[in-house]
């Protein structure tokens, strides 16, 4: 009886905490259907009517339609996912399976980059991309992904590949396979969970990224969704809060769907990548 009561209290506490954490999202979604003068006076997340006027007006409120911003974000996020999966899996395979001089030192240096804040390397990177003529293009946001610049995902792949028995490699070598065929034919097909984890996190982080596009994208035609949302908030005049919340609600839909469909891969990838050790 005491055990059942304790479990009920635990679940009730967790439900209450979940409600507190999800309330801002519910309030934002509800505010998307409210008139401008009722957003900050009516703090209940449930709107009185489902009036879609904020969605209709907000979609075409800027000089460029929001379909363009969604397309830009989708292109950048897709390329970032492809680049991270390809480059980080190759780097992880090299660190986990290949023997080369300085391997441990290179791996240690790679892991040390996790402790560097993004702002430390911002100015040198910007100067480099400016000299290459890449500013105001998506190249600074995409090309580094194809160069294995995310040490966190390399570490995930290294830990996952280390958990695969080396007997598979030895058997493949006896059959005449080289390192590339071992990676492509054996290890990569087995790495679906960790690839799913890397894809989901890359997509979410890239889709929600505001600072990177703010630095490198100047033309409104190239804006991503977070940059477009920022234009609804004007510090010198009236801000369009209803339209902002409506477009913010729509911007959460791709991330939510991507997570719902692939959430099992996150659990499998993290559990099988050695992070629990």
C-alpha atoms as a PDB file:
ATOM      1  CA  UNK A   1       0.000   0.000   0.000  1.00  0.00           C
ATOM      2  CA  UNK A   2       2.801   2.395   0.887  1.00  0.00           C
ATOM      3  CA  UNK A   3       4.634   1.524  -2.308  1.00  0.00           C
ATOM      4  CA  UNK A   4       1.549   2.249  -4.423  1.00  0.00           C
ATOM      5  CA  UNK A   5       0.966   5.538  -2.630  1.00  0.00           C
ATOM      6  CA  UNK A   6       4.599   6.551  -3.121  1.00  0.00           C
ATOM      7  CA  UNK A   7       4.389   5.761  -6.829  1.00  0.00           C
ATOM      8  CA  UNK A   8       1.192   7.786  -7.199  1.00  0.00           C
ATOM      9  CA  UNK A   9       2.777  10.745  -5.451  1.00  0.00           C
ATOM     10  CA  UNK A  10       5.882  10.430  -7.615  1.00  0.00           C
ATOM     11  CA  UNK A  11       3.858  10.343 -10.831  1.00  0.00           C
ATOM     12  CA  UNK A  12       1.699  13.243  -9.663  1.00  0.00           C
ATOM     13  CA  UNK A  13       4.816  15.300  -8.908  1.00  0.00           C
ATOM     14  CA  UNK A  14       6.327  14.476 -12.284  1.00  0.00           C
ATOM     15  CA  UNK A  15       3.070  15.378 -14.059  1.00  0.00           C
ATOM     16  CA  UNK A  16       2.934  18.697 -12.226  1.00  0.00           C
ATOM     17  CA  UNK A  17       6.560  19.448 -13.072  1.00  0.00           C
ATOM     18  CA  UNK A  18       5.902  18.550 -16.723  1.00  0.00           C
ATOM     19  CA  UNK A  19       2.938  20.902 -16.791  1.00  0.00           C
ATOM     20  CA  UNK A  20       5.060  23.722 -15.396  1.00  0.00           C
ATOM     21  CA  UNK A  21       7.746  23.152 -18.022  1.00  0.00           C
ATOM     22  CA  UNK A  22       5.329  22.829 -20.940  1.00  0.00           C
ATOM     23  CA  UNK A  23       3.195  25.818 -19.923  1.00  0.00           C
ATOM     24  CA  UNK A  24       5.284  28.395 -21.884  1.00  0.00           C
ATOM     25  CA  UNK A  25       4.850  26.342 -25.061  1.00  0.00           C
ATOM     26  CA  UNK A  26       1.112  25.968 -24.476  1.00  0.00           C
ATOM     27  CA  UNK A  27       0.832  29.687 -23.779  1.00  0.00           C
ATOM     28  CA  UNK A  28       2.682  30.511 -27.008  1.00  0.00           C
ATOM     29  CA  UNK A  29       0.432  28.228 -29.065  1.00  0.00           C
ATOM     30  CA  UNK A  30      -2.668  29.689 -27.425  1.00  0.00           C
ATOM     31  CA  UNK A  31      -1.425  33.256 -27.949  1.00  0.00           C
ATOM     32  CA  UNK A  32      -1.070  32.551 -31.656  1.00  0.00           C
ATOM     33  CA  UNK A  33      -4.890  32.487 -31.857  1.00  0.00           C
ATOM     34  CA  UNK A  34      -5.498  35.538 -29.645  1.00  0.00           C
ATOM     35  CA  UNK A  35      -5.893  39.168 -30.758  1.00  0.00           C
ATOM     36  CA  UNK A  36      -2.935  41.459 -30.106  1.00  0.00           C
ATOM     37  CA  UNK A  37      -4.524  43.244 -27.125  1.00  0.00           C
ATOM     38  CA  UNK A  38      -5.368  39.997 -25.310  1.00  0.00           C
ATOM     39  CA  UNK A  39      -2.003  38.235 -25.461  1.00  0.00           C
ATOM     40  CA  UNK A  40      -0.463  39.775 -22.333  1.00  0.00           C
ATOM     41  CA  UNK A  41      -3.700  40.363 -20.458  1.00  0.00           C
ATOM     42  CA  UNK A  42      -5.114  36.848 -20.750  1.00  0.00           C
ATOM     43  CA  UNK A  43      -2.464  34.482 -19.384  1.00  0.00           C
ATOM     44  CA  UNK A  44      -4.512  31.308 -19.841  1.00  0.00           C
ATOM     45  CA  UNK A  45      -3.078  29.058 -22.557  1.00  0.00           C
ATOM     46  CA  UNK A  46      -6.522  28.247 -23.964  1.00  0.00           C
ATOM     47  CA  UNK A  47      -7.767  30.816 -26.508  1.00  0.00           C
ATOM     48  CA  UNK A  48     -11.418  31.794 -26.618  1.00  0.00           C
ATOM     49  CA  UNK A  49     -11.602  31.083 -30.352  1.00  0.00           C
ATOM     50  CA  UNK A  50      -9.385  29.440 -32.959  1.00  0.00           C
ATOM     51  CA  UNK A  51      -8.998  32.495 -35.160  1.00  0.00           C
ATOM     52  CA  UNK A  52      -6.185  31.830 -37.709  1.00  0.00           C
ATOM     53  CA  UNK A  53      -5.759  35.477 -38.684  1.00  0.00           C
ATOM     54  CA  UNK A  54      -2.304  35.704 -37.086  1.00  0.00           C
ATOM     55  CA  UNK A  55      -1.135  32.743 -39.172  1.00  0.00           C
ATOM     56  CA  UNK A  56      -2.518  34.184 -42.404  1.00  0.00           C
ATOM     57  CA  UNK A  57      -1.169  37.691 -41.830  1.00  0.00           C
ATOM     58  CA  UNK A  58       2.135  36.531 -40.347  1.00  0.00           C
ATOM     59  CA  UNK A  59       2.908  34.209 -43.258  1.00  0.00           C
ATOM     60  CA  UNK A  60       3.066  37.182 -45.671  1.00  0.00           C
ATOM     61  CA  UNK A  61       3.856  39.990 -43.214  1.00  0.00           C
ATOM     62  CA  UNK A  62       7.494  40.387 -44.292  1.00  0.00           C
ATOM     63  CA  UNK A  63       8.975  41.339 -47.634  1.00  0.00           C
ATOM     64  CA  UNK A  64       9.484  37.630 -48.330  1.00  0.00           C
ATOM     65  CA  UNK A  65       6.944  34.895 -47.672  1.00  0.00           C
ATOM     66  CA  UNK A  66       7.617  32.497 -44.831  1.00  0.00           C
ATOM     67  CA  UNK A  67       7.750  29.604 -47.264  1.00  0.00           C
ATOM     68  CA  UNK A  68      11.124  30.981 -48.376  1.00  0.00           C
ATOM     69  CA  UNK A  69      12.442  31.018 -44.813  1.00  0.00           C
ATOM     70  CA  UNK A  70      11.253  27.464 -44.203  1.00  0.00           C
ATOM     71  CA  UNK A  71      12.938  26.377 -47.423  1.00  0.00           C
ATOM     72  CA  UNK A  72      16.225  28.037 -46.443  1.00  0.00           C
ATOM     73  CA  UNK A  73      16.194  26.390 -43.015  1.00  0.00           C
ATOM     74  CA  UNK A  74      15.302  23.014 -44.516  1.00  0.00           C
ATOM     75  CA  UNK A  75      18.162  23.199 -47.046  1.00  0.00           C
ATOM     76  CA  UNK A  76      20.736  24.209 -44.442  1.00  0.00           C
ATOM     77  CA  UNK A  77      19.530  21.611 -41.913  1.00  0.00           C
ATOM     78  CA  UNK A  78      19.477  18.827 -44.524  1.00  0.00           C
ATOM     79  CA  UNK A  79      22.989  19.612 -45.745  1.00  0.00           C
ATOM     80  CA  UNK A  80      24.225  19.867 -42.162  1.00  0.00           C
ATOM     81  CA  UNK A  81      22.769  16.438 -41.346  1.00  0.00           C
ATOM     82  CA  UNK A  82      24.321  14.886 -44.458  1.00  0.00           C
ATOM     83  CA  UNK A  83      27.692  16.484 -43.761  1.00  0.00           C
ATOM     84  CA  UNK A  84      27.808  15.470 -40.114  1.00  0.00           C
ATOM     85  CA  UNK A  85      26.796  11.871 -40.816  1.00  0.00           C
ATOM     86  CA  UNK A  86      29.384  11.458 -43.551  1.00  0.00           C
ATOM     87  CA  UNK A  87      32.339  13.312 -42.039  1.00  0.00           C
ATOM     88  CA  UNK A  88      31.867  12.409 -38.374  1.00  0.00           C
ATOM     89  CA  UNK A  89      31.304   8.736 -39.107  1.00  0.00           C
ATOM     90  CA  UNK A  90      34.504   8.627 -41.172  1.00  0.00           C
ATOM     91  CA  UNK A  91      36.469  10.425 -38.461  1.00  0.00           C
ATOM     92  CA  UNK A  92      34.988   8.159 -35.803  1.00  0.00           C
ATOM     93  CA  UNK A  93      35.942   5.102 -37.832  1.00  0.00           C
ATOM     94  CA  UNK A  94      39.513   6.375 -38.195  1.00  0.00           C
ATOM     95  CA  UNK A  95      39.914   7.002 -34.466  1.00  0.00           C
ATOM     96  CA  UNK A  96      38.249   3.741 -33.452  1.00  0.00           C
ATOM     97  CA  UNK A  97      39.630   1.288 -35.999  1.00  0.00           C
ATOM     98  CA  UNK A  98      42.726   2.607 -37.777  1.00  0.00           C
ATOM     99  CA  UNK A  99      46.237   2.721 -36.393  1.00  0.00           C
ATOM    100  CA  UNK A 100      48.233   5.801 -37.429  1.00  0.00           C
ATOM    101  CA  UNK A 101      50.948   7.936 -35.800  1.00  0.00           C
ATOM    102  CA  UNK A 102      49.610  10.467 -33.332  1.00  0.00           C
ATOM    103  CA  UNK A 103      46.135   8.917 -33.179  1.00  0.00           C
ATOM    104  CA  UNK A 104      45.766   9.323 -29.417  1.00  0.00           C
ATOM    105  CA  UNK A 105      47.120  12.876 -29.520  1.00  0.00           C
ATOM    106  CA  UNK A 106      44.762  13.865 -32.328  1.00  0.00           C
ATOM    107  CA  UNK A 107      41.827  12.322 -30.483  1.00  0.00           C
ATOM    108  CA  UNK A 108      42.746  14.210 -27.309  1.00  0.00           C
ATOM    109  CA  UNK A 109      43.031  17.492 -29.221  1.00  0.00           C
ATOM    110  CA  UNK A 110      39.698  16.815 -30.862  1.00  0.00           C
ATOM    111  CA  UNK A 111      38.063  16.225 -27.481  1.00  0.00           C
ATOM    112  CA  UNK A 112      39.628  19.418 -26.119  1.00  0.00           C
ATOM    113  CA  UNK A 113      37.734  21.433 -28.725  1.00  0.00           C
ATOM    114  CA  UNK A 114      34.553  20.551 -26.826  1.00  0.00           C
ATOM    115  CA  UNK A 115      35.700  22.905 -24.081  1.00  0.00           C
ATOM    116  CA  UNK A 116      36.126  25.863 -26.452  1.00  0.00           C
ATOM    117  CA  UNK A 117      33.119  28.204 -26.523  1.00  0.00           C
ATOM    118  CA  UNK A 118      31.815  29.024 -29.972  1.00  0.00           C
ATOM    119  CA  UNK A 119      32.537  32.724 -29.423  1.00  0.00           C
ATOM    120  CA  UNK A 120      36.275  32.056 -29.035  1.00  0.00           C
ATOM    121  CA  UNK A 121      36.615  30.895 -32.642  1.00  0.00           C
ATOM    122  CA  UNK A 122      33.955  33.214 -34.075  1.00  0.00           C
ATOM    123  CA  UNK A 123      36.208  36.085 -35.169  1.00  0.00           C
ATOM    124  CA  UNK A 124      38.934  33.926 -36.824  1.00  0.00           C
ATOM    125  CA  UNK A 125      36.251  31.932 -38.631  1.00  0.00           C
ATOM    126  CA  UNK A 126      34.469  35.065 -39.799  1.00  0.00           C
ATOM    127  CA  UNK A 127      37.721  36.572 -41.113  1.00  0.00           C
ATOM    128  CA  UNK A 128      38.484  33.326 -42.956  1.00  0.00           C
ATOM    129  CA  UNK A 129      35.043  33.084 -44.535  1.00  0.00           C
ATOM    130  CA  UNK A 130      35.126  36.782 -45.413  1.00  0.00           C
ATOM    131  CA  UNK A 131      38.414  36.331 -47.261  1.00  0.00           C
ATOM    132  CA  UNK A 132      36.955  33.338 -49.092  1.00  0.00           C
ATOM    133  CA  UNK A 133      33.954  35.420 -50.138  1.00  0.00           C
ATOM    134  CA  UNK A 134      31.501  33.139 -48.362  1.00  0.00           C
ATOM    135  CA  UNK A 135      29.781  35.751 -46.182  1.00  0.00           C
ATOM    136  CA  UNK A 136      26.099  36.217 -47.058  1.00  0.00           C
ATOM    137  CA  UNK A 137      25.931  32.637 -48.326  1.00  0.00           C
ATOM    138  CA  UNK A 138      25.040  29.366 -46.621  1.00  0.00           C
ATOM    139  CA  UNK A 139      28.562  27.990 -47.117  1.00  0.00           C
ATOM    140  CA  UNK A 140      29.899  29.006 -43.648  1.00  0.00           C
ATOM    141  CA  UNK A 141      26.929  27.197 -42.089  1.00  0.00           C
ATOM    142  CA  UNK A 142      27.249  24.035 -44.192  1.00  0.00           C
ATOM    143  CA  UNK A 143      30.836  23.427 -45.315  1.00  0.00           C
ATOM    144  CA  UNK A 144      32.284  22.919 -41.774  1.00  0.00           C
ATOM    145  CA  UNK A 145      29.793  20.077 -41.295  1.00  0.00           C
ATOM    146  CA  UNK A 146      31.482  18.202 -44.160  1.00  0.00           C
ATOM    147  CA  UNK A 147      34.873  18.672 -42.466  1.00  0.00           C
ATOM    148  CA  UNK A 148      34.012  16.840 -39.213  1.00  0.00           C
ATOM    149  CA  UNK A 149      33.876  20.031 -37.157  1.00  0.00           C
ATOM    150  CA  UNK A 150      31.496  18.661 -34.472  1.00  0.00           C
ATOM    151  CA  UNK A 151      33.635  16.780 -31.969  1.00  0.00           C
ATOM    152  CA  UNK A 152      30.603  15.608 -29.995  1.00  0.00           C
ATOM    153  CA  UNK A 153      29.300  13.498 -32.871  1.00  0.00           C
ATOM    154  CA  UNK A 154      32.778  12.156 -33.640  1.00  0.00           C
ATOM    155  CA  UNK A 155      32.954  10.986 -30.042  1.00  0.00           C
ATOM    156  CA  UNK A 156      29.554   9.285 -30.402  1.00  0.00           C
ATOM    157  CA  UNK A 157      30.736   7.358 -33.461  1.00  0.00           C
ATOM    158  CA  UNK A 158      34.066   6.454 -31.836  1.00  0.00           C
ATOM    159  CA  UNK A 159      32.344   5.012 -28.796  1.00  0.00           C
ATOM    160  CA  UNK A 160      29.861   3.110 -30.931  1.00  0.00           C
ATOM    161  CA  UNK A 161      32.488   1.627 -33.253  1.00  0.00           C
ATOM    162  CA  UNK A 162      34.605   0.581 -30.267  1.00  0.00           C
ATOM    163  CA  UNK A 163      31.672  -1.520 -29.072  1.00  0.00           C
ATOM    164  CA  UNK A 164      31.599  -3.559 -32.296  1.00  0.00           C
ATOM    165  CA  UNK A 165      33.796  -6.689 -32.074  1.00  0.00           C
ATOM    166  CA  UNK A 166      37.044  -6.419 -33.998  1.00  0.00           C
ATOM    167  CA  UNK A 167      36.581 -10.009 -35.146  1.00  0.00           C
ATOM    168  CA  UNK A 168      34.299  -8.620 -37.841  1.00  0.00           C
ATOM    169  CA  UNK A 169      37.160  -6.504 -39.164  1.00  0.00           C
ATOM    170  CA  UNK A 170      39.575  -9.428 -39.063  1.00  0.00           C
ATOM    171  CA  UNK A 171      37.156 -11.658 -40.935  1.00  0.00           C
ATOM    172  CA  UNK A 172      36.642  -8.948 -43.543  1.00  0.00           C
ATOM    173  CA  UNK A 173      40.401  -8.487 -43.971  1.00  0.00           C
ATOM    174  CA  UNK A 174      40.768 -12.236 -44.574  1.00  0.00           C
ATOM    175  CA  UNK A 175      38.162 -11.890 -47.310  1.00  0.00           C
ATOM    176  CA  UNK A 176      40.185  -9.138 -48.944  1.00  0.00           C
ATOM    177  CA  UNK A 177      38.428  -6.060 -47.627  1.00  0.00           C
ATOM    178  CA  UNK A 178      40.343  -2.847 -47.088  1.00  0.00           C
ATOM    179  CA  UNK A 179      39.546  -0.122 -44.542  1.00  0.00           C
ATOM    180  CA  UNK A 180      37.062   1.618 -46.830  1.00  0.00           C
ATOM    181  CA  UNK A 181      35.036  -1.552 -47.496  1.00  0.00           C
ATOM    182  CA  UNK A 182      35.095  -2.432 -43.793  1.00  0.00           C
ATOM    183  CA  UNK A 183      33.649   0.986 -43.031  1.00  0.00           C
ATOM    184  CA  UNK A 184      31.097   0.981 -45.852  1.00  0.00           C
ATOM    185  CA  UNK A 185      30.022  -2.664 -45.877  1.00  0.00           C
ATOM    186  CA  UNK A 186      30.252  -3.672 -42.218  1.00  0.00           C
ATOM    187  CA  UNK A 187      30.388  -0.853 -39.680  1.00  0.00           C
ATOM    188  CA  UNK A 188      28.149   1.695 -41.353  1.00  0.00           C
ATOM    189  CA  UNK A 189      25.132  -0.640 -41.754  1.00  0.00           C
ATOM    190  CA  UNK A 190      25.433  -1.508 -38.049  1.00  0.00           C
ATOM    191  CA  UNK A 191      25.534   2.125 -36.945  1.00  0.00           C
ATOM    192  CA  UNK A 192      21.892   3.034 -37.619  1.00  0.00           C
ATOM    193  CA  UNK A 193      21.141   3.980 -33.966  1.00  0.00           C
ATOM    194  CA  UNK A 194      24.081   6.354 -33.571  1.00  0.00           C
ATOM    195  CA  UNK A 195      23.502   7.811 -37.032  1.00  0.00           C
ATOM    196  CA  UNK A 196      19.892   8.480 -36.080  1.00  0.00           C
ATOM    197  CA  UNK A 197      21.007  10.199 -32.885  1.00  0.00           C
ATOM    198  CA  UNK A 198      23.505  12.365 -34.738  1.00  0.00           C
ATOM    199  CA  UNK A 199      20.933  13.217 -37.423  1.00  0.00           C
ATOM    200  CA  UNK A 200      18.258  14.249 -34.932  1.00  0.00           C
ATOM    201  CA  UNK A 201      20.521  16.437 -32.811  1.00  0.00           C
ATOM    202  CA  UNK A 202      22.120  18.013 -35.888  1.00  0.00           C
ATOM    203  CA  UNK A 203      18.730  18.797 -37.414  1.00  0.00           C
ATOM    204  CA  UNK A 204      17.326  20.313 -34.210  1.00  0.00           C
ATOM    205  CA  UNK A 205      20.437  22.360 -33.421  1.00  0.00           C
ATOM    206  CA  UNK A 206      20.745  23.622 -37.007  1.00  0.00           C
ATOM    207  CA  UNK A 207      17.051  24.417 -37.364  1.00  0.00           C
ATOM    208  CA  UNK A 208      17.034  26.370 -34.081  1.00  0.00           C
ATOM    209  CA  UNK A 209      20.383  28.084 -34.670  1.00  0.00           C
ATOM    210  CA  UNK A 210      20.069  31.860 -34.538  1.00  0.00           C
ATOM    211  CA  UNK A 211      23.573  33.156 -33.922  1.00  0.00           C
ATOM    212  CA  UNK A 212      25.275  31.536 -36.927  1.00  0.00           C
ATOM    213  CA  UNK A 213      22.803  32.803 -39.553  1.00  0.00           C
ATOM    214  CA  UNK A 214      22.751  36.203 -37.818  1.00  0.00           C
ATOM    215  CA  UNK A 215      26.503  36.546 -38.356  1.00  0.00           C
ATOM    216  CA  UNK A 216      26.774  35.246 -41.914  1.00  0.00           C
ATOM    217  CA  UNK A 217      23.426  35.995 -43.611  1.00  0.00           C
ATOM    218  CA  UNK A 218      22.570  39.586 -44.525  1.00  0.00           C
ATOM    219  CA  UNK A 219      20.089  39.287 -47.396  1.00  0.00           C
ATOM    220  CA  UNK A 220      16.499  38.666 -46.302  1.00  0.00           C
ATOM    221  CA  UNK A 221      16.170  36.209 -49.180  1.00  0.00           C
ATOM    222  CA  UNK A 222      18.696  33.994 -47.358  1.00  0.00           C
ATOM    223  CA  UNK A 223      17.181  34.296 -43.875  1.00  0.00           C
ATOM    224  CA  UNK A 224      16.392  31.180 -41.890  1.00  0.00           C
ATOM    225  CA  UNK A 225      13.284  30.813 -39.745  1.00  0.00           C
ATOM    226  CA  UNK A 226      14.882  32.083 -36.475  1.00  0.00           C
ATOM    227  CA  UNK A 227      16.165  35.203 -38.234  1.00  0.00           C
ATOM    228  CA  UNK A 228      12.771  35.828 -39.807  1.00  0.00           C
ATOM    229  CA  UNK A 229      11.079  35.478 -36.417  1.00  0.00           C
ATOM    230  CA  UNK A 230      13.414  38.133 -35.009  1.00  0.00           C
ATOM    231  CA  UNK A 231      12.147  40.681 -37.518  1.00  0.00           C
ATOM    232  CA  UNK A 232       8.694  40.622 -35.875  1.00  0.00           C
ATOM    233  CA  UNK A 233      10.192  42.159 -32.715  1.00  0.00           C
ATOM    234  CA  UNK A 234      11.085  45.802 -33.319  1.00  0.00           C
ATOM    235  CA  UNK A 235      12.760  47.703 -30.488  1.00  0.00           C
ATOM    236  CA  UNK A 236      11.864  51.109 -31.984  1.00  0.00           C
ATOM    237  CA  UNK A 237       8.189  50.598 -32.830  1.00  0.00           C
ATOM    238  CA  UNK A 238       5.259  48.276 -32.218  1.00  0.00           C
ATOM    239  CA  UNK A 239       6.016  44.554 -32.276  1.00  0.00           C
ATOM    240  CA  UNK A 240       3.698  42.039 -33.926  1.00  0.00           C
ATOM    241  CA  UNK A 241       3.445  39.558 -31.064  1.00  0.00           C
ATOM    242  CA  UNK A 242       0.473  37.609 -32.399  1.00  0.00           C
ATOM    243  CA  UNK A 243       2.143  37.019 -35.750  1.00  0.00           C
ATOM    244  CA  UNK A 244       5.410  36.181 -34.009  1.00  0.00           C
ATOM    245  CA  UNK A 245       3.768  33.509 -31.849  1.00  0.00           C
ATOM    246  CA  UNK A 246       1.876  32.116 -34.852  1.00  0.00           C
ATOM    247  CA  UNK A 247       5.027  31.723 -36.931  1.00  0.00           C
ATOM    248  CA  UNK A 248       6.943  30.420 -33.898  1.00  0.00           C
ATOM    249  CA  UNK A 249       4.297  27.730 -33.484  1.00  0.00           C
ATOM    250  CA  UNK A 250       4.704  26.698 -37.118  1.00  0.00           C
ATOM    251  CA  UNK A 251       8.497  26.674 -36.751  1.00  0.00           C
ATOM    252  CA  UNK A 252       8.201  24.053 -33.989  1.00  0.00           C
ATOM    253  CA  UNK A 253       6.276  21.622 -36.178  1.00  0.00           C
ATOM    254  CA  UNK A 254       9.265  20.247 -38.201  1.00  0.00           C
ATOM    255  CA  UNK A 255      11.358  19.785 -35.065  1.00  0.00           C
ATOM    256  CA  UNK A 256       8.488  18.124 -33.220  1.00  0.00           C
ATOM    257  CA  UNK A 257       7.715  15.725 -36.069  1.00  0.00           C
ATOM    258  CA  UNK A 258      11.393  14.905 -36.619  1.00  0.00           C
ATOM    259  CA  UNK A 259      11.789  14.053 -32.941  1.00  0.00           C
ATOM    260  CA  UNK A 260       8.559  12.033 -32.715  1.00  0.00           C
ATOM    261  CA  UNK A 261       9.395   9.819 -35.675  1.00  0.00           C
ATOM    262  CA  UNK A 262      13.017   9.162 -34.660  1.00  0.00           C
ATOM    263  CA  UNK A 263      12.987   9.394 -30.860  1.00  0.00           C
ATOM    264  CA  UNK A 264      13.645   5.662 -30.449  1.00  0.00           C
ATOM    265  CA  UNK A 265      16.912   6.061 -32.351  1.00  0.00           C
ATOM    266  CA  UNK A 266      18.070   8.670 -29.834  1.00  0.00           C
ATOM    267  CA  UNK A 267      17.663   6.259 -26.946  1.00  0.00           C
ATOM    268  CA  UNK A 268      19.322   3.396 -28.835  1.00  0.00           C
ATOM    269  CA  UNK A 269      22.170   5.550 -30.091  1.00  0.00           C
ATOM    270  CA  UNK A 270      23.059   7.008 -26.705  1.00  0.00           C
ATOM    271  CA  UNK A 271      22.652   3.661 -24.936  1.00  0.00           C
ATOM    272  CA  UNK A 272      24.889   1.887 -27.449  1.00  0.00           C
ATOM    273  CA  UNK A 273      27.512   4.630 -27.766  1.00  0.00           C
ATOM    274  CA  UNK A 274      29.111   4.045 -24.386  1.00  0.00           C
ATOM    275  CA  UNK A 275      27.936   7.295 -22.759  1.00  0.00           C
ATOM    276  CA  UNK A 276      26.627   5.328 -19.787  1.00  0.00           C
ATOM    277  CA  UNK A 277      30.071   4.049 -18.897  1.00  0.00           C
END
